[in-house]
Protein backbone atom coordinates (compact mmCIF):
# COMPACT_ATOMS: atom_id res chain seq x y z
CA UNK A 1 12.32 122.76 139.70
CA UNK A 2 11.51 120.37 136.91
CA UNK A 3 7.76 119.39 136.60
CA UNK A 4 6.77 115.79 137.12
CA UNK A 5 3.67 114.05 137.17
CA UNK A 6 2.06 112.29 140.24
CA UNK A 7 0.50 108.77 139.41
CA UNK A 8 -1.04 106.97 142.81
CA UNK A 9 -2.12 103.57 142.89
CA UNK A 10 -2.92 101.82 146.50
CA UNK A 11 -2.57 98.08 147.13
CA UNK A 12 -4.16 96.58 150.16
CA UNK A 13 -2.37 93.20 151.33
CA UNK A 14 -4.57 90.44 151.92
CA UNK A 15 -5.18 89.59 155.57
CA UNK A 16 -2.67 86.93 156.72
CA UNK A 17 -1.45 86.13 160.29
CA UNK A 18 1.94 87.35 161.05
CA UNK A 19 3.64 86.11 164.06
CA UNK A 20 5.59 89.44 165.06
CA UNK A 21 3.13 91.85 166.83
CA UNK A 22 5.67 94.39 167.03
CA UNK A 23 6.23 94.10 163.14
CA UNK A 24 8.09 97.63 162.01
CA UNK A 25 5.17 97.94 159.20
CA UNK A 26 2.44 97.30 161.01
CA UNK A 27 -0.50 99.78 160.53
CA UNK A 28 2.08 101.77 158.50
CA UNK A 29 1.94 102.94 154.70
CA UNK A 30 4.83 101.91 152.43
CA UNK A 31 5.26 104.32 149.38
CA UNK A 32 6.80 102.94 146.44
CA UNK A 33 8.49 105.36 144.11
CA UNK A 34 9.31 104.55 140.66
CA UNK A 35 11.59 106.91 138.62
CA UNK A 36 9.81 106.53 134.96
CA UNK A 37 6.52 107.28 133.65
CA UNK A 38 3.41 104.94 133.70
CA UNK A 39 3.30 102.10 131.02
CA UNK A 40 6.77 101.87 130.66
CA UNK A 41 9.01 98.71 131.87
CA UNK A 42 10.29 100.22 135.01
CA UNK A 43 6.52 100.99 136.08
CA UNK A 44 5.23 97.42 134.89
CA UNK A 45 7.97 95.74 137.21
CA UNK A 46 7.45 98.46 139.90
CA UNK A 47 3.74 97.91 140.04
CA UNK A 48 3.86 93.98 139.91
CA UNK A 49 6.15 94.03 143.08
CA UNK A 50 4.08 96.76 144.84
CA UNK A 51 0.76 94.20 144.05
CA UNK A 52 2.68 91.09 145.65
CA UNK A 53 5.21 92.45 148.07
CA UNK A 54 3.12 93.64 150.97
CA UNK A 55 1.70 90.20 151.88
CA UNK A 56 5.21 88.83 152.56
CA UNK A 57 6.19 92.21 154.32
CA UNK A 58 5.95 91.14 158.40
CA UNK A 59 3.30 93.92 159.43
CA UNK A 60 1.65 93.90 155.84
CA UNK A 61 1.88 97.49 155.31
CA UNK A 62 -0.72 99.54 152.91
CA UNK A 63 1.38 100.38 149.54
CA UNK A 64 1.08 103.47 147.48
CA UNK A 65 3.17 104.04 144.22
CA UNK A 66 4.19 107.15 143.11
CA UNK A 67 5.57 107.91 139.56
CA UNK A 68 8.28 110.67 139.45
CA UNK A 69 9.59 110.54 135.92
CA UNK A 70 12.33 113.47 134.77
CA UNK A 71 15.41 113.91 133.82
CA UNK A 72 16.36 110.28 132.66
CA UNK A 73 15.36 108.84 135.98
CA UNK A 74 17.64 111.51 138.19
CA UNK A 75 14.85 113.56 139.43
CA UNK A 76 13.44 110.65 141.40
CA UNK A 77 16.93 109.60 142.47
CA UNK A 78 17.49 112.98 143.97
CA UNK A 79 14.44 112.98 145.47
CA UNK A 80 15.09 109.87 147.24
CA UNK A 81 18.51 111.14 148.56
CA UNK A 82 17.74 114.39 149.35
CA UNK A 83 14.14 114.80 150.36
CA UNK A 84 12.72 111.54 151.11
CA UNK A 85 12.56 110.85 154.76
CA UNK A 86 14.73 107.79 156.01
CA UNK A 87 12.13 106.68 158.21
CA UNK A 88 11.44 103.27 156.36
CA UNK A 89 8.29 104.51 154.78
CA UNK A 90 10.00 105.06 151.23
CA UNK A 91 11.34 102.40 149.08
CA UNK A 92 12.23 102.97 145.32
CA UNK A 93 11.73 100.96 142.35
CA UNK A 94 14.28 102.44 139.84
CA UNK A 95 16.03 101.94 136.66
CA UNK A 96 19.69 102.42 137.89
CA UNK A 97 21.26 105.40 137.17
CA UNK A 98 24.56 104.37 137.65
CA UNK A 99 25.97 105.25 134.42
CA UNK A 100 25.76 108.67 135.14
CA UNK A 101 28.61 108.11 137.39
CA UNK A 102 30.63 107.56 134.14
CA UNK A 103 29.81 111.17 133.11
CA UNK A 104 30.20 112.38 136.48
CA UNK A 105 26.75 113.82 136.06
CA UNK A 106 26.20 117.16 138.00
CA UNK A 107 22.42 116.78 137.80
CA UNK A 108 23.08 113.31 139.83
CA UNK A 109 23.53 114.83 143.16
CA UNK A 110 23.49 111.92 145.35
CA UNK A 111 26.03 109.16 146.00
CA UNK A 112 24.41 105.93 144.93
CA UNK A 113 26.63 103.70 146.83
CA UNK A 114 25.05 105.30 150.15
CA UNK A 115 21.56 103.91 149.59
CA UNK A 116 20.21 101.05 151.38
CA UNK A 117 19.79 98.19 148.80
CA UNK A 118 17.05 95.78 148.86
CA UNK A 119 17.16 94.02 145.94
CA UNK A 120 18.17 93.88 142.35
CA UNK A 121 17.71 92.42 138.90
CA UNK A 122 20.03 92.47 136.14
CA UNK A 123 18.60 93.21 132.41
CA UNK A 124 19.31 93.62 128.68
CA UNK A 125 17.29 95.55 126.28
CA UNK A 126 16.09 94.81 122.91
CA UNK A 127 16.69 96.99 119.91
CA UNK A 128 13.96 96.94 117.41
CA UNK A 129 13.47 98.73 113.91
CA UNK A 130 10.58 99.41 111.61
CA UNK A 131 10.57 97.05 108.62
CA UNK A 132 9.51 99.49 106.15
CA UNK A 133 12.79 101.56 106.57
CA UNK A 134 14.07 102.01 103.11
CA UNK A 135 14.77 99.99 101.18
CA UNK A 136 12.79 97.46 103.36
CA UNK A 137 14.28 95.21 106.17
CA UNK A 138 13.73 91.23 106.40
CA UNK A 139 16.72 90.37 108.31
CA UNK A 140 18.85 91.82 111.36
CA UNK A 141 21.69 92.12 108.83
CA UNK A 142 20.05 94.28 106.64
CA UNK A 143 20.82 97.04 109.07
CA UNK A 144 23.51 98.52 106.82
CA UNK A 145 21.34 98.32 103.77
CA UNK A 146 18.85 100.78 105.59
CA UNK A 147 18.97 104.57 104.15
CA UNK A 148 18.87 107.22 106.84
CA UNK A 149 16.45 106.33 109.72
CA UNK A 150 15.30 108.17 112.91
CA UNK A 151 16.46 106.74 116.50
CA UNK A 152 14.23 107.75 119.46
CA UNK A 153 15.35 108.47 122.70
CA UNK A 154 14.90 110.03 126.18
CA UNK A 155 17.66 112.36 126.70
CA UNK A 156 21.63 112.79 125.89
CA UNK A 157 22.58 111.51 128.96
CA UNK A 158 20.20 108.41 129.37
CA UNK A 159 22.28 105.32 129.50
CA UNK A 160 19.93 103.70 126.83
CA UNK A 161 20.72 106.80 124.28
CA UNK A 162 24.58 106.59 125.03
CA UNK A 163 24.45 102.85 124.46
CA UNK A 164 22.29 102.57 121.45
CA UNK A 165 24.35 105.45 119.86
CA UNK A 166 27.53 103.55 120.44
CA UNK A 167 25.95 100.13 118.87
CA UNK A 168 24.88 102.17 115.62
CA UNK A 169 27.85 104.21 115.28
CA UNK A 170 30.01 100.92 115.52
CA UNK A 171 27.88 98.97 113.38
CA UNK A 172 28.18 101.77 110.83
CA UNK A 173 24.15 102.80 110.71
CA UNK A 174 23.12 105.66 108.92
CA UNK A 175 20.39 107.34 111.42
CA UNK A 176 19.20 110.54 112.96
CA UNK A 177 19.42 111.09 116.72
CA UNK A 178 15.86 112.64 118.07
CA UNK A 179 15.81 112.77 121.69
CA UNK A 180 13.70 114.31 124.39
CA UNK A 181 10.87 111.86 124.48
CA UNK A 182 9.92 111.57 128.32
CA UNK A 183 9.31 107.96 128.48
CA UNK A 184 9.40 104.32 126.62
CA UNK A 185 5.72 104.33 125.91
CA UNK A 186 5.94 107.86 124.36
CA UNK A 187 8.76 106.65 121.99
CA UNK A 188 7.05 103.49 121.27
CA UNK A 189 4.36 105.32 119.96
CA UNK A 190 6.50 107.54 118.04
CA UNK A 191 7.49 104.37 116.29
CA UNK A 192 3.89 103.18 115.59
CA UNK A 193 3.07 106.65 114.22
CA UNK A 194 6.51 106.13 111.88
CA UNK A 195 8.02 109.45 113.58
CA UNK A 196 10.92 107.63 114.60
CA UNK A 197 12.07 104.17 113.09
CA UNK A 198 14.23 102.96 115.96
CA UNK A 199 14.07 102.57 119.56
CA UNK A 200 15.53 100.03 122.50
CA UNK A 201 13.34 98.55 125.05
CA UNK A 202 14.08 96.37 128.21
CA UNK A 203 12.82 92.97 128.32
CA UNK A 204 9.67 93.37 129.89
CA UNK A 205 8.41 96.39 127.73
CA UNK A 206 9.53 94.49 124.98
CA UNK A 207 7.56 91.29 125.82
CA UNK A 208 4.63 92.83 127.15
CA UNK A 209 4.14 95.77 124.65
CA UNK A 210 6.44 95.59 121.44
CA UNK A 211 6.24 91.75 120.67
CA UNK A 212 2.63 91.33 120.80
CA UNK A 213 1.52 94.99 118.93
CA UNK A 214 4.41 95.51 116.96
CA UNK A 215 6.48 92.39 116.04
CA UNK A 216 3.59 89.92 115.47
CA UNK A 217 1.84 92.44 113.21
CA UNK A 218 4.93 92.80 111.12
CA UNK A 219 5.47 96.57 111.79
CA UNK A 220 8.91 95.99 113.57
CA UNK A 221 11.57 93.33 113.89
CA UNK A 222 14.16 92.97 116.70
CA UNK A 223 17.78 94.04 115.78
CA UNK A 224 19.92 92.50 118.32
CA UNK A 225 19.94 92.15 122.39
CA UNK A 226 22.16 93.97 124.77
CA UNK A 227 24.65 91.55 126.45
CA UNK A 228 25.82 91.87 130.08
CA UNK A 229 29.77 92.40 131.23
CA UNK A 230 30.42 89.53 133.98
CA UNK A 231 33.04 90.32 136.77
CA UNK A 232 35.83 88.72 134.98
CA UNK A 233 35.12 90.97 132.03
CA UNK A 234 33.57 88.58 129.91
CA UNK A 235 30.40 88.85 127.88
CA UNK A 236 27.06 87.07 129.07
CA UNK A 237 24.11 86.72 126.47
CA UNK A 238 20.64 87.61 127.69
CA UNK A 239 19.66 84.03 128.05
CA UNK A 240 15.70 85.10 128.30
CA UNK A 241 15.75 86.24 124.57
CA UNK A 242 17.87 83.58 123.04
CA UNK A 243 15.93 84.00 119.63
CA UNK A 244 17.51 87.40 119.33
CA UNK A 245 20.95 87.94 118.28
CA UNK A 246 23.43 89.45 121.03
CA UNK A 247 24.90 92.48 119.66
CA UNK A 248 28.53 91.45 119.28
CA UNK A 249 27.27 88.42 117.31
CA UNK A 250 25.27 90.67 114.71
CA UNK A 251 28.44 92.72 114.63
CA UNK A 252 30.64 89.64 113.83
CA UNK A 253 27.74 88.46 111.22
CA UNK A 254 27.74 92.12 109.60
CA UNK A 255 31.51 92.65 109.53
CA UNK A 256 33.17 89.50 109.59
CA UNK A 257 35.28 89.95 112.61
CA UNK A 258 34.36 90.71 116.06
CA UNK A 259 34.08 94.19 117.50
CA UNK A 260 36.95 96.08 118.73
CA UNK A 261 38.57 99.93 119.27
CA UNK A 262 37.97 102.64 121.66
CA UNK A 263 34.06 102.78 120.95
CA UNK A 264 33.80 99.03 121.74
CA UNK A 265 35.77 99.38 124.94
CA UNK A 266 33.42 102.27 125.89
CA UNK A 267 30.63 100.29 125.08
CA UNK A 268 31.40 97.34 127.13
CA UNK A 269 31.85 99.93 130.14
CA UNK A 270 28.24 101.05 129.72
CA UNK A 271 27.05 97.33 129.79
CA UNK A 272 28.38 97.01 133.48
CA UNK A 273 25.75 99.32 134.58
CA UNK A 274 23.18 96.65 133.73
CA UNK A 275 24.23 94.41 136.25
CA UNK A 276 21.48 96.40 138.27
CA UNK A 277 19.11 97.69 135.75
CA UNK A 278 16.49 97.53 138.03
CA UNK A 279 16.97 98.14 141.92
CA UNK A 280 14.47 98.28 145.02
CA UNK A 281 16.30 100.58 147.72
CA UNK A 282 15.60 103.07 150.33
CA UNK A 283 17.20 106.34 151.63
CA UNK A 284 20.47 106.38 153.20
CA UNK A 285 20.28 105.86 157.00
CA UNK A 286 16.74 104.07 156.70
CA UNK A 287 15.96 101.88 160.02
CA UNK A 288 17.62 98.68 159.84
CA UNK A 289 14.81 96.60 160.95
CA UNK A 290 12.82 98.16 157.71
CA UNK A 291 15.69 97.07 155.41
CA UNK A 292 15.42 93.88 156.86
CA UNK A 293 11.83 93.39 156.59
CA UNK A 294 12.06 94.68 153.06
CA UNK A 295 14.70 92.03 151.98
CA UNK A 296 12.66 89.38 153.90
CA UNK A 297 9.33 90.51 151.87
CA UNK A 298 11.38 89.99 148.82
CA UNK A 299 12.65 86.51 149.73
CA UNK A 300 9.05 85.30 150.34
CA UNK A 301 7.67 87.08 147.50
CA UNK A 302 10.00 85.08 145.03
CA UNK A 303 8.74 81.61 146.52
CA UNK A 304 4.96 83.17 145.66
CA UNK A 305 3.44 81.19 142.96
CA UNK A 306 1.05 83.83 142.65
CA UNK A 307 3.58 86.52 141.84
CA UNK A 308 6.02 84.22 139.87
CA UNK A 309 2.94 83.39 137.61
CA UNK A 310 2.09 87.05 137.32
CA UNK A 311 5.49 88.32 136.39
CA UNK A 312 5.93 85.61 133.84
CA UNK A 313 2.89 86.11 132.24
CA UNK A 314 3.22 90.26 132.17
CA UNK A 315 7.07 90.55 131.23
CA UNK A 316 7.40 87.01 129.68
CA UNK A 317 10.76 86.88 131.85
CA UNK A 318 11.69 85.30 134.91
CA UNK A 319 12.04 87.50 138.26
CA UNK A 320 15.96 86.77 138.86
CA UNK A 321 16.32 89.11 141.59
CA UNK A 322 19.22 89.05 144.24
CA UNK A 323 18.52 89.77 147.58
CA UNK A 324 20.60 92.76 149.72
CA UNK A 325 23.43 92.87 147.06
CA UNK A 326 24.70 96.13 147.33
CA UNK A 327 25.38 98.76 144.70
CA UNK A 328 28.74 99.63 145.93
CA UNK A 329 30.27 96.96 143.86
CA UNK A 330 28.58 98.62 140.43
CA UNK A 331 29.69 102.00 141.73
CA UNK A 332 33.48 100.76 142.21
CA UNK A 333 33.60 99.09 138.72
CA UNK A 334 32.61 101.80 136.90
CA UNK A 335 34.62 104.51 139.19
CA UNK A 336 37.81 102.11 138.34
CA UNK A 337 37.16 102.12 134.78
CA UNK A 338 40.02 103.46 132.73
CA UNK A 339 40.28 107.24 132.68
CA UNK A 340 40.64 107.73 128.93
CA UNK A 341 37.34 105.57 128.51
CA UNK A 342 35.30 107.71 130.70
CA UNK A 343 36.45 110.83 129.19
CA UNK A 344 36.09 108.99 125.89
CA UNK A 345 32.15 108.53 127.14
CA UNK A 346 32.01 111.77 128.51
CA UNK A 347 32.70 113.35 125.14
CA UNK A 348 30.52 110.99 123.08
CA UNK A 349 27.53 111.88 125.46
CA UNK A 350 27.60 115.45 124.49
CA UNK A 351 28.87 115.10 120.68
CA UNK A 352 25.20 115.01 119.16
């Protein structure tokens, strides 16, 4: 079995009056499982939720946070579906592994459509690069002038890795792909050490770490923001990073035409999985009263000024969670992708 580290943090909800004396969570402990290591964007968001959620759950449970990184987030997904008891005492806060559906990835042994979904939030990522990449970069459009640079990644089947490889290949950038880092924070450190020069991070991680420590110091510059695909197929830019070029806009500026072709079609399909970039969910078969209590907790938490202020301060983004949205829709859209596109993505994934 793959080794993984456990990091535990306990939050105790403040004492408040709860009307329902027989609340499901009264006197119980809720474990929040996070599928990436400490310090990354999933961990940052998950711990914010774990800090504020308990006081809004009827019964006010104790909350323990466990990090279970590994296999690009898949280790914890398998644990949630195969090992965790469906007793209402385990809630995951994951970066979604929906992309693995496109690969028919044998390491993902669970059916993502079967989990009990509590809340989700869509999200885009920001690509950034060191400015001292030869011959020196001052503008995102300089990416084609850049000589060979190293792009750091997590794993060959990581959604993020496949997506940024497609984006760089479509742009025509000259780069070497270096993967195997175990977390966003370790790749970020590698960029700071100049071991690699390019990486992509979710907006919370970018705002909390990259922007203050690396952009404002002049070490790196943002290149582009990923986009989202709406249900009608149109692209939607990330409105929370309006100062950063959307990927398709950068492509048009560089090549004087919109992106097109097989690689672009495949890239657009990978963007679908970002519709539920972060998900709070429970094991299949979890008690309905537990699911209802956690959904209620999220609903009330989103009205809490302390949570809103904390989330905005730490992530520099809005907590635009959707409550009770099922993962089945995302799963279905990915399953219904054209066979030739899925075959292309699967072949592309192992090509480097």
